[in-house]
Amino acid sequence: MAGLTAAAVAAVCFLAYQASANAPADLSVKPPASGRTTPSVSPSGGPKQPAKDPLAVPAGSGTGERVVYALSDRRVWLVDAKGKATRTFKVWPSTVDPLPGAYTVGSRSGSVRGSDGVRIEHVVRFATAQDVAVGFSAAVDGSTPSPDPSKKTGGIRMKRADGDAMWTFAVIGAKVVVVS
């Protein structure tokens, strides 16, 4: 019974958040009169949103040179000292995520075997979560496997070319900012 109640509360909270995120900032503004242009509609039925700039660095991710990792987007940005993204790419996280916050690169390995048995390269470790080391890496064979949900692993996989860029950018002591 407690599980059902918790699930119901979580669902209501999620729907309330979605409703508040889509509400206009000023509810006193009247909608345009009929006969004016109507906003275009997306296939899902809602108003079409402008395309999100993939190079746009997430707000609240700090300043200066840093690696930004967005958990919900499963995306990384390499950001220069002026705050501009020099590269962004999708990643494939494992089963253990770091908490949002600022970290520094603490260790690196050129080539090792991952916890899934796949040979990986350009390992850049920056956090520990649930007693598991968390870091970025690329599989030598280019694979991006689905992690075994029964194992606690902290590898965040990326394509080899992105791993090369990460290896060059994220030296020991480099800042890594994790955002939701």
N, C-alpha and C. Protein backbone atom coordinates (compact mmCIF):
# COMPACT_ATOMS: atom_id res chain seq x y z
N MET A 1 0.82 -1.18 0.00
CA MET A 1 0.00 0.00 0.00
C MET A 1 0.87 1.25 0.00
N ALA A 2 1.93 1.25 0.80
CA ALA A 2 2.81 2.42 0.87
C ALA A 2 3.48 2.66 -0.48
N GLY A 3 3.81 1.59 -1.19
CA GLY A 3 4.44 1.71 -2.51
C GLY A 3 3.51 2.38 -3.51
N LEU A 4 2.22 2.00 -3.48
CA LEU A 4 1.25 2.63 -4.38
C LEU A 4 1.06 4.10 -4.05
N THR A 5 1.02 4.42 -2.78
CA THR A 5 0.88 5.82 -2.37
C THR A 5 2.08 6.63 -2.82
N ALA A 6 3.28 6.09 -2.64
CA ALA A 6 4.49 6.79 -3.06
C ALA A 6 4.50 7.01 -4.56
N ALA A 7 4.08 5.99 -5.32
CA ALA A 7 4.04 6.11 -6.78
C ALA A 7 3.02 7.17 -7.20
N ALA A 8 1.87 7.20 -6.53
CA ALA A 8 0.84 8.20 -6.86
C ALA A 8 1.34 9.61 -6.55
N VAL A 9 1.99 9.79 -5.41
CA VAL A 9 2.53 11.10 -5.05
C VAL A 9 3.59 11.53 -6.06
N ALA A 10 4.45 10.61 -6.45
CA ALA A 10 5.49 10.92 -7.44
C ALA A 10 4.86 11.33 -8.77
N ALA A 11 3.82 10.64 -9.19
CA ALA A 11 3.15 10.96 -10.45
C ALA A 11 2.51 12.34 -10.38
N VAL A 12 1.85 12.65 -9.28
CA VAL A 12 1.23 13.97 -9.12
C VAL A 12 2.29 15.07 -9.12
N CYS A 13 3.41 14.86 -8.43
CA CYS A 13 4.50 15.84 -8.41
C CYS A 13 5.04 16.06 -9.81
N PHE A 14 5.24 14.99 -10.56
CA PHE A 14 5.74 15.10 -11.93
C PHE A 14 4.78 15.91 -12.79
N LEU A 15 3.48 15.60 -12.71
CA LEU A 15 2.49 16.33 -13.51
C LEU A 15 2.40 17.80 -13.09
N ALA A 16 2.51 18.07 -11.80
CA ALA A 16 2.50 19.46 -11.33
C ALA A 16 3.71 20.22 -11.86
N TYR A 17 4.87 19.58 -11.84
CA TYR A 17 6.07 20.22 -12.40
C TYR A 17 5.88 20.51 -13.88
N GLN A 18 5.38 19.54 -14.63
CA GLN A 18 5.17 19.74 -16.07
C GLN A 18 4.20 20.89 -16.32
N ALA A 19 3.14 20.96 -15.54
CA ALA A 19 2.16 22.03 -15.71
C ALA A 19 2.79 23.39 -15.40
N SER A 20 3.58 23.47 -14.33
CA SER A 20 4.20 24.75 -13.98
C SER A 20 5.26 25.14 -14.99
N ALA A 21 5.95 24.18 -15.56
CA ALA A 21 6.99 24.49 -16.55
C ALA A 21 6.39 25.00 -17.84
N ASN A 22 5.14 24.64 -18.13
CA ASN A 22 4.50 25.05 -19.37
C ASN A 22 3.56 26.24 -19.20
N ALA A 23 3.38 26.72 -17.98
CA ALA A 23 2.49 27.85 -17.73
C ALA A 23 3.19 29.14 -18.13
N PRO A 24 2.44 30.10 -18.70
CA PRO A 24 3.06 31.38 -19.03
C PRO A 24 3.49 32.12 -17.77
N ALA A 25 4.52 32.96 -17.91
CA ALA A 25 5.03 33.69 -16.76
C ALA A 25 4.00 34.67 -16.22
N ASP A 26 3.19 35.25 -17.11
CA ASP A 26 2.19 36.23 -16.69
C ASP A 26 0.82 35.75 -17.14
N LEU A 27 0.01 35.29 -16.20
CA LEU A 27 -1.29 34.74 -16.54
C LEU A 27 -2.32 35.82 -16.86
N SER A 28 -2.00 37.11 -16.63
CA SER A 28 -2.95 38.17 -16.93
C SER A 28 -2.93 38.57 -18.39
N VAL A 29 -1.96 38.10 -19.16
CA VAL A 29 -1.88 38.43 -20.58
C VAL A 29 -2.96 37.68 -21.32
N LYS A 30 -3.72 38.40 -22.13
CA LYS A 30 -4.81 37.79 -22.90
C LYS A 30 -4.24 37.10 -24.13
N PRO A 31 -4.80 35.95 -24.53
CA PRO A 31 -4.35 35.30 -25.75
C PRO A 31 -4.73 36.17 -26.95
N PRO A 32 -4.02 35.99 -28.10
CA PRO A 32 -4.33 36.79 -29.27
C PRO A 32 -5.76 36.53 -29.72
N ALA A 33 -6.40 37.58 -30.26
CA ALA A 33 -7.77 37.47 -30.76
C ALA A 33 -7.80 36.53 -31.95
N SER A 34 -8.95 35.86 -32.15
CA SER A 34 -9.06 34.94 -33.27
C SER A 34 -8.94 35.72 -34.56
N GLY A 35 -8.50 35.05 -35.60
CA GLY A 35 -8.29 35.69 -36.88
C GLY A 35 -6.82 36.06 -37.07
N ARG A 36 -6.07 36.07 -35.99
CA ARG A 36 -4.63 36.33 -36.11
C ARG A 36 -3.93 35.02 -36.40
N THR A 37 -2.66 35.10 -36.66
CA THR A 37 -1.92 33.88 -36.99
C THR A 37 -1.92 32.94 -35.79
N THR A 38 -2.02 31.68 -36.07
CA THR A 38 -2.03 30.64 -35.04
C THR A 38 -0.65 30.01 -35.01
N PRO A 39 -0.11 29.76 -33.82
CA PRO A 39 1.21 29.12 -33.78
C PRO A 39 1.16 27.74 -34.41
N SER A 40 2.28 27.36 -35.01
CA SER A 40 2.33 26.03 -35.62
C SER A 40 2.27 24.98 -34.52
N VAL A 41 1.87 23.79 -34.88
CA VAL A 41 1.67 22.72 -33.92
C VAL A 41 2.62 21.58 -34.25
N SER A 42 3.21 21.00 -33.22
CA SER A 42 4.10 19.86 -33.42
C SER A 42 3.27 18.60 -33.59
N PRO A 43 3.89 17.48 -34.04
CA PRO A 43 3.16 16.22 -34.19
C PRO A 43 2.51 15.75 -32.90
N SER A 44 3.04 16.17 -31.75
CA SER A 44 2.46 15.73 -30.48
C SER A 44 1.24 16.56 -30.10
N GLY A 45 0.94 17.61 -30.89
CA GLY A 45 -0.23 18.41 -30.63
C GLY A 45 0.06 19.71 -29.91
N GLY A 46 1.23 19.87 -29.32
CA GLY A 46 1.58 21.10 -28.60
C GLY A 46 2.21 22.11 -29.55
N PRO A 47 2.41 23.33 -29.07
CA PRO A 47 3.06 24.32 -29.92
C PRO A 47 4.47 23.88 -30.28
N LYS A 48 4.87 24.19 -31.48
CA LYS A 48 6.20 23.80 -31.94
C LYS A 48 7.24 24.66 -31.22
N GLN A 49 8.22 24.03 -30.60
CA GLN A 49 9.27 24.74 -29.89
C GLN A 49 10.44 24.99 -30.84
N PRO A 50 11.13 26.12 -30.69
CA PRO A 50 12.30 26.34 -31.54
C PRO A 50 13.35 25.28 -31.24
N ALA A 51 14.11 24.93 -32.25
CA ALA A 51 15.14 23.91 -32.09
C ALA A 51 16.14 24.38 -31.04
N LYS A 52 16.51 23.48 -30.14
CA LYS A 52 17.46 23.78 -29.08
C LYS A 52 18.86 23.76 -29.68
N ASP A 53 19.64 24.79 -29.42
CA ASP A 53 21.01 24.87 -29.91
C ASP A 53 21.87 23.87 -29.13
N PRO A 54 22.40 22.85 -29.79
CA PRO A 54 23.17 21.84 -29.07
C PRO A 54 24.46 22.39 -28.48
N LEU A 55 24.96 23.51 -29.00
CA LEU A 55 26.18 24.09 -28.44
C LEU A 55 25.89 24.98 -27.23
N ALA A 56 24.61 25.26 -26.96
CA ALA A 56 24.26 26.10 -25.82
C ALA A 56 24.61 25.38 -24.53
N VAL A 57 25.52 25.98 -23.77
CA VAL A 57 25.96 25.39 -22.52
C VAL A 57 24.83 25.54 -21.49
N PRO A 58 24.50 24.50 -20.74
CA PRO A 58 23.41 24.59 -19.75
C PRO A 58 23.62 25.73 -18.76
N ALA A 59 22.53 26.44 -18.48
CA ALA A 59 22.56 27.50 -17.47
C ALA A 59 22.88 26.89 -16.12
N GLY A 60 23.55 27.62 -15.29
CA GLY A 60 23.87 27.14 -13.95
C GLY A 60 25.02 26.15 -13.91
N SER A 61 25.80 26.11 -14.99
CA SER A 61 26.91 25.15 -15.03
C SER A 61 28.25 25.79 -14.69
N GLY A 62 28.21 27.01 -14.18
CA GLY A 62 29.45 27.66 -13.77
C GLY A 62 30.05 28.53 -14.85
N THR A 63 31.31 28.89 -14.63
CA THR A 63 32.03 29.75 -15.56
C THR A 63 33.41 29.18 -15.81
N GLY A 64 34.06 29.71 -16.82
CA GLY A 64 35.42 29.30 -17.13
C GLY A 64 35.50 27.96 -17.84
N GLU A 65 36.74 27.53 -18.01
CA GLU A 65 36.99 26.26 -18.70
C GLU A 65 36.49 25.11 -17.86
N ARG A 66 35.71 24.20 -18.49
CA ARG A 66 35.14 23.09 -17.74
C ARG A 66 34.51 22.07 -18.69
N VAL A 67 34.29 20.89 -18.15
CA VAL A 67 33.49 19.86 -18.80
C VAL A 67 32.13 19.94 -18.13
N VAL A 68 31.05 20.00 -18.92
CA VAL A 68 29.70 20.01 -18.36
C VAL A 68 29.02 18.72 -18.79
N TYR A 69 28.47 18.01 -17.82
CA TYR A 69 27.76 16.76 -18.08
C TYR A 69 26.33 16.91 -17.60
N ALA A 70 25.37 16.87 -18.54
CA ALA A 70 23.95 16.98 -18.20
C ALA A 70 23.35 15.58 -18.11
N LEU A 71 22.95 15.21 -16.91
CA LEU A 71 22.41 13.87 -16.66
C LEU A 71 21.17 13.57 -17.51
N SER A 72 20.20 14.48 -17.51
CA SER A 72 18.94 14.21 -18.21
C SER A 72 19.10 14.23 -19.73
N ASP A 73 20.01 15.05 -20.23
CA ASP A 73 20.24 15.12 -21.69
C ASP A 73 21.20 14.04 -22.17
N ARG A 74 21.93 13.43 -21.23
CA ARG A 74 22.97 12.46 -21.61
C ARG A 74 23.91 13.10 -22.63
N ARG A 75 24.40 14.29 -22.28
CA ARG A 75 25.23 15.08 -23.18
C ARG A 75 26.34 15.74 -22.40
N VAL A 76 27.47 15.92 -23.08
CA VAL A 76 28.65 16.57 -22.51
C VAL A 76 29.02 17.76 -23.38
N TRP A 77 29.47 18.83 -22.73
CA TRP A 77 30.00 20.00 -23.43
C TRP A 77 31.42 20.22 -22.93
N LEU A 78 32.34 20.49 -23.85
CA LEU A 78 33.69 20.92 -23.49
C LEU A 78 33.67 22.43 -23.66
N VAL A 79 33.87 23.17 -22.58
CA VAL A 79 33.67 24.62 -22.57
C VAL A 79 35.01 25.31 -22.36
N ASP A 80 35.30 26.30 -23.22
CA ASP A 80 36.58 27.02 -23.12
C ASP A 80 36.53 28.08 -22.03
N ALA A 81 37.65 28.77 -21.83
CA ALA A 81 37.77 29.76 -20.75
C ALA A 81 36.79 30.92 -20.91
N LYS A 82 36.34 31.19 -22.13
CA LYS A 82 35.39 32.27 -22.38
C LYS A 82 33.94 31.84 -22.20
N GLY A 83 33.72 30.57 -21.84
CA GLY A 83 32.37 30.07 -21.62
C GLY A 83 31.67 29.55 -22.86
N LYS A 84 32.40 29.38 -23.96
CA LYS A 84 31.82 28.88 -25.21
C LYS A 84 32.12 27.39 -25.36
N ALA A 85 31.12 26.64 -25.79
CA ALA A 85 31.32 25.21 -26.03
C ALA A 85 32.16 25.03 -27.28
N THR A 86 33.23 24.27 -27.15
CA THR A 86 34.06 23.96 -28.31
C THR A 86 33.65 22.63 -28.94
N ARG A 87 32.93 21.83 -28.16
CA ARG A 87 32.46 20.53 -28.64
C ARG A 87 31.35 20.05 -27.71
N THR A 88 30.37 19.36 -28.27
CA THR A 88 29.33 18.72 -27.48
C THR A 88 29.01 17.39 -28.12
N PHE A 89 28.61 16.43 -27.30
CA PHE A 89 28.32 15.09 -27.82
C PHE A 89 27.46 14.31 -26.84
N LYS A 90 26.74 13.33 -27.37
CA LYS A 90 25.91 12.43 -26.57
C LYS A 90 26.81 11.41 -25.89
N VAL A 91 26.37 10.94 -24.73
CA VAL A 91 27.08 9.90 -23.99
C VAL A 91 26.08 8.83 -23.54
N TRP A 92 26.61 7.69 -23.14
CA TRP A 92 25.81 6.57 -22.67
C TRP A 92 26.25 6.24 -21.25
N PRO A 93 25.47 6.71 -20.25
CA PRO A 93 25.86 6.48 -18.86
C PRO A 93 25.63 5.04 -18.42
N SER A 94 26.28 4.69 -17.35
CA SER A 94 26.14 3.37 -16.75
C SER A 94 25.04 3.41 -15.70
N THR A 95 25.13 2.56 -14.70
CA THR A 95 24.05 2.45 -13.72
C THR A 95 24.18 3.40 -12.54
N VAL A 96 25.36 3.97 -12.30
CA VAL A 96 25.57 4.86 -11.17
C VAL A 96 25.91 6.25 -11.71
N ASP A 97 25.11 7.24 -11.30
CA ASP A 97 25.33 8.63 -11.71
C ASP A 97 25.92 9.43 -10.56
N PRO A 98 26.78 10.40 -10.86
CA PRO A 98 27.23 11.30 -9.80
C PRO A 98 26.12 12.29 -9.47
N LEU A 99 26.13 12.84 -8.29
CA LEU A 99 25.17 13.88 -7.93
C LEU A 99 25.53 15.17 -8.66
N PRO A 100 24.55 16.01 -8.97
CA PRO A 100 24.88 17.31 -9.56
C PRO A 100 25.83 18.07 -8.65
N GLY A 101 26.80 18.76 -9.25
CA GLY A 101 27.78 19.52 -8.49
C GLY A 101 29.05 19.69 -9.28
N ALA A 102 30.05 20.30 -8.66
CA ALA A 102 31.34 20.55 -9.29
C ALA A 102 32.36 19.54 -8.77
N TYR A 103 33.16 19.01 -9.69
CA TYR A 103 34.18 18.01 -9.38
C TYR A 103 35.47 18.40 -10.10
N THR A 104 36.54 17.68 -9.81
CA THR A 104 37.77 17.84 -10.58
C THR A 104 38.23 16.46 -11.03
N VAL A 105 38.92 16.44 -12.15
CA VAL A 105 39.47 15.19 -12.67
C VAL A 105 40.56 14.75 -11.70
N GLY A 106 40.41 13.54 -11.16
CA GLY A 106 41.35 13.04 -10.17
C GLY A 106 42.31 12.00 -10.69
N SER A 107 41.90 11.27 -11.73
CA SER A 107 42.81 10.26 -12.31
C SER A 107 42.41 9.99 -13.76
N ARG A 108 43.37 9.47 -14.48
CA ARG A 108 43.16 9.14 -15.90
C ARG A 108 43.91 7.84 -16.21
N SER A 109 43.39 7.08 -17.15
CA SER A 109 44.06 5.86 -17.62
C SER A 109 43.96 5.83 -19.13
N GLY A 110 45.07 5.55 -19.77
CA GLY A 110 45.10 5.50 -21.23
C GLY A 110 44.27 4.36 -21.80
N SER A 111 44.42 3.17 -21.21
CA SER A 111 43.70 2.00 -21.72
C SER A 111 43.57 0.97 -20.60
N VAL A 112 42.35 0.53 -20.35
CA VAL A 112 42.07 -0.49 -19.33
C VAL A 112 40.90 -1.34 -19.81
N ARG A 113 40.56 -2.36 -19.04
CA ARG A 113 39.37 -3.15 -19.31
C ARG A 113 38.24 -2.62 -18.45
N GLY A 114 37.09 -2.35 -19.07
CA GLY A 114 35.94 -1.84 -18.33
C GLY A 114 35.31 -2.92 -17.48
N SER A 115 34.43 -2.53 -16.59
CA SER A 115 33.78 -3.49 -15.70
C SER A 115 32.89 -4.46 -16.48
N ASP A 116 32.55 -4.12 -17.72
CA ASP A 116 31.75 -5.02 -18.56
C ASP A 116 32.64 -5.93 -19.41
N GLY A 117 33.97 -5.86 -19.20
CA GLY A 117 34.90 -6.71 -19.92
C GLY A 117 35.37 -6.13 -21.24
N VAL A 118 34.82 -5.00 -21.66
CA VAL A 118 35.20 -4.36 -22.92
C VAL A 118 36.45 -3.51 -22.68
N ARG A 119 37.40 -3.58 -23.62
CA ARG A 119 38.59 -2.74 -23.51
C ARG A 119 38.21 -1.28 -23.79
N ILE A 120 38.57 -0.38 -22.88
CA ILE A 120 38.24 1.03 -23.03
C ILE A 120 39.52 1.87 -23.00
N GLU A 121 39.40 3.08 -23.53
CA GLU A 121 40.55 3.98 -23.56
C GLU A 121 40.12 5.38 -23.12
N HIS A 122 41.14 6.19 -22.84
CA HIS A 122 40.92 7.59 -22.48
C HIS A 122 39.94 7.74 -21.32
N VAL A 123 40.23 7.02 -20.25
CA VAL A 123 39.39 7.04 -19.05
C VAL A 123 39.73 8.29 -18.23
N VAL A 124 38.71 9.11 -17.98
CA VAL A 124 38.86 10.34 -17.22
C VAL A 124 37.92 10.24 -16.02
N ARG A 125 38.48 9.97 -14.82
CA ARG A 125 37.67 9.78 -13.62
C ARG A 125 37.56 11.10 -12.86
N PHE A 126 36.34 11.40 -12.38
CA PHE A 126 36.14 12.68 -11.71
C PHE A 126 35.29 12.60 -10.44
N ALA A 127 34.67 11.47 -10.15
CA ALA A 127 33.78 11.40 -8.99
C ALA A 127 33.72 9.98 -8.46
N THR A 128 33.16 9.87 -7.26
CA THR A 128 32.81 8.57 -6.67
C THR A 128 31.37 8.68 -6.20
N ALA A 129 30.57 7.70 -6.55
CA ALA A 129 29.17 7.67 -6.13
C ALA A 129 28.82 6.23 -5.77
N GLN A 130 28.19 6.03 -4.65
CA GLN A 130 27.82 4.70 -4.18
C GLN A 130 29.03 3.77 -4.16
N ASP A 131 30.18 4.30 -3.74
CA ASP A 131 31.45 3.56 -3.67
C ASP A 131 31.93 3.08 -5.03
N VAL A 132 31.52 3.76 -6.10
CA VAL A 132 31.91 3.38 -7.46
C VAL A 132 32.60 4.58 -8.11
N ALA A 133 33.74 4.36 -8.75
CA ALA A 133 34.41 5.43 -9.49
C ALA A 133 33.58 5.78 -10.72
N VAL A 134 33.43 7.08 -10.97
CA VAL A 134 32.64 7.56 -12.11
C VAL A 134 33.58 8.32 -13.04
N GLY A 135 33.49 7.99 -14.33
CA GLY A 135 34.34 8.68 -15.29
C GLY A 135 33.91 8.44 -16.71
N PHE A 136 34.48 9.23 -17.60
CA PHE A 136 34.22 9.15 -19.03
C PHE A 136 35.20 8.18 -19.67
N SER A 137 34.76 7.48 -20.72
CA SER A 137 35.65 6.59 -21.45
C SER A 137 35.04 6.26 -22.80
N ALA A 138 35.86 5.67 -23.67
CA ALA A 138 35.39 5.22 -24.98
C ALA A 138 35.82 3.77 -25.17
N ALA A 139 34.93 2.96 -25.70
CA ALA A 139 35.26 1.56 -25.98
C ALA A 139 36.16 1.51 -27.21
N VAL A 140 37.23 0.74 -27.14
CA VAL A 140 38.16 0.62 -28.26
C VAL A 140 37.44 0.07 -29.50
N ASP A 141 36.47 -0.84 -29.28
CA ASP A 141 35.74 -1.41 -30.41
C ASP A 141 34.59 -0.51 -30.88
N GLY A 142 34.43 0.65 -30.23
CA GLY A 142 33.39 1.60 -30.64
C GLY A 142 32.01 1.29 -30.11
N SER A 143 31.88 0.25 -29.30
CA SER A 143 30.56 -0.15 -28.82
C SER A 143 30.05 0.80 -27.73
N THR A 144 28.75 0.86 -27.61
CA THR A 144 28.09 1.62 -26.55
C THR A 144 27.02 0.71 -25.94
N PRO A 145 27.47 -0.30 -25.20
CA PRO A 145 26.55 -1.31 -24.69
C PRO A 145 25.61 -0.78 -23.62
N SER A 146 24.48 -1.45 -23.49
CA SER A 146 23.56 -1.15 -22.39
C SER A 146 24.13 -1.79 -21.14
N PRO A 147 24.24 -1.02 -20.05
CA PRO A 147 24.81 -1.58 -18.84
C PRO A 147 23.88 -2.60 -18.19
N ASP A 148 24.47 -3.55 -17.50
CA ASP A 148 23.71 -4.55 -16.75
C ASP A 148 23.11 -3.86 -15.53
N PRO A 149 21.77 -3.73 -15.45
CA PRO A 149 21.16 -3.00 -14.34
C PRO A 149 21.40 -3.64 -12.97
N SER A 150 21.84 -4.89 -12.94
CA SER A 150 22.09 -5.53 -11.65
C SER A 150 23.48 -5.22 -11.10
N LYS A 151 24.33 -4.53 -11.90
CA LYS A 151 25.69 -4.20 -11.47
C LYS A 151 25.83 -2.69 -11.28
N LYS A 152 26.58 -2.30 -10.25
CA LYS A 152 26.87 -0.89 -10.01
C LYS A 152 28.16 -0.53 -10.75
N THR A 153 28.01 0.24 -11.83
CA THR A 153 29.17 0.68 -12.60
C THR A 153 29.04 2.17 -12.90
N GLY A 154 30.16 2.84 -13.04
CA GLY A 154 30.15 4.29 -13.20
C GLY A 154 30.73 4.80 -14.50
N GLY A 155 30.87 3.93 -15.49
CA GLY A 155 31.43 4.37 -16.77
C GLY A 155 30.43 5.17 -17.59
N ILE A 156 30.87 6.28 -18.14
CA ILE A 156 30.06 7.10 -19.03
C ILE A 156 30.72 6.99 -20.39
N ARG A 157 30.14 6.18 -21.27
CA ARG A 157 30.76 5.89 -22.56
C ARG A 157 30.46 6.96 -23.59
N MET A 158 31.41 7.11 -24.50
CA MET A 158 31.26 8.03 -25.62
C MET A 158 31.91 7.44 -26.84
N LYS A 159 31.67 8.04 -27.99
CA LYS A 159 32.32 7.58 -29.22
C LYS A 159 33.81 7.84 -29.11
N ARG A 160 34.60 7.09 -29.88
CA ARG A 160 36.06 7.20 -29.78
C ARG A 160 36.57 8.59 -30.10
N ALA A 161 36.02 9.24 -31.13
CA ALA A 161 36.48 10.60 -31.48
C ALA A 161 36.19 11.56 -30.33
N ASP A 162 35.05 11.39 -29.67
CA ASP A 162 34.72 12.24 -28.52
C ASP A 162 35.64 11.91 -27.35
N GLY A 163 35.98 10.65 -27.19
CA GLY A 163 36.93 10.24 -26.15
C GLY A 163 38.30 10.86 -26.37
N ASP A 164 38.73 10.95 -27.63
CA ASP A 164 40.01 11.62 -27.94
C ASP A 164 39.96 13.08 -27.51
N ALA A 165 38.85 13.76 -27.83
CA ALA A 165 38.71 15.17 -27.47
C ALA A 165 38.68 15.34 -25.95
N MET A 166 37.96 14.46 -25.26
CA MET A 166 37.88 14.52 -23.80
C MET A 166 39.27 14.33 -23.19
N TRP A 167 40.02 13.37 -23.70
CA TRP A 167 41.35 13.05 -23.18
C TRP A 167 42.27 14.27 -23.29
N THR A 168 42.19 14.96 -24.41
CA THR A 168 43.02 16.15 -24.62
C THR A 168 42.58 17.29 -23.71
N PHE A 169 41.28 17.45 -23.52
CA PHE A 169 40.71 18.58 -22.78
C PHE A 169 40.78 18.40 -21.28
N ALA A 170 40.40 17.24 -20.77
CA ALA A 170 40.21 17.03 -19.32
C ALA A 170 41.43 16.40 -18.68
N VAL A 171 42.42 17.23 -18.38
CA VAL A 171 43.64 16.77 -17.72
C VAL A 171 43.38 16.70 -16.20
N ILE A 172 44.34 16.15 -15.46
CA ILE A 172 44.21 16.09 -14.00
C ILE A 172 43.97 17.50 -13.46
N GLY A 173 42.97 17.64 -12.60
CA GLY A 173 42.64 18.94 -12.01
C GLY A 173 41.60 19.73 -12.80
N ALA A 174 41.25 19.28 -14.00
CA ALA A 174 40.23 20.00 -14.79
C ALA A 174 38.89 19.96 -14.08
N LYS A 175 38.10 21.01 -14.26
CA LYS A 175 36.78 21.10 -13.61
C LYS A 175 35.75 20.32 -14.43
N VAL A 176 34.91 19.55 -13.73
CA VAL A 176 33.78 18.85 -14.33
C VAL A 176 32.54 19.28 -13.53
N VAL A 177 31.55 19.79 -14.24
CA VAL A 177 30.32 20.22 -13.59
C VAL A 177 29.19 19.30 -14.05
N VAL A 178 28.51 18.68 -13.12
CA VAL A 178 27.38 17.81 -13.42
C VAL A 178 26.10 18.57 -13.10
N VAL A 179 25.20 18.64 -14.10
CA VAL A 179 23.91 19.29 -13.91
C VAL A 179 22.81 18.26 -14.15
N SER A 180 21.63 18.57 -13.62
CA SER A 180 20.51 17.66 -13.80
C SER A 180 20.14 17.58 -15.24
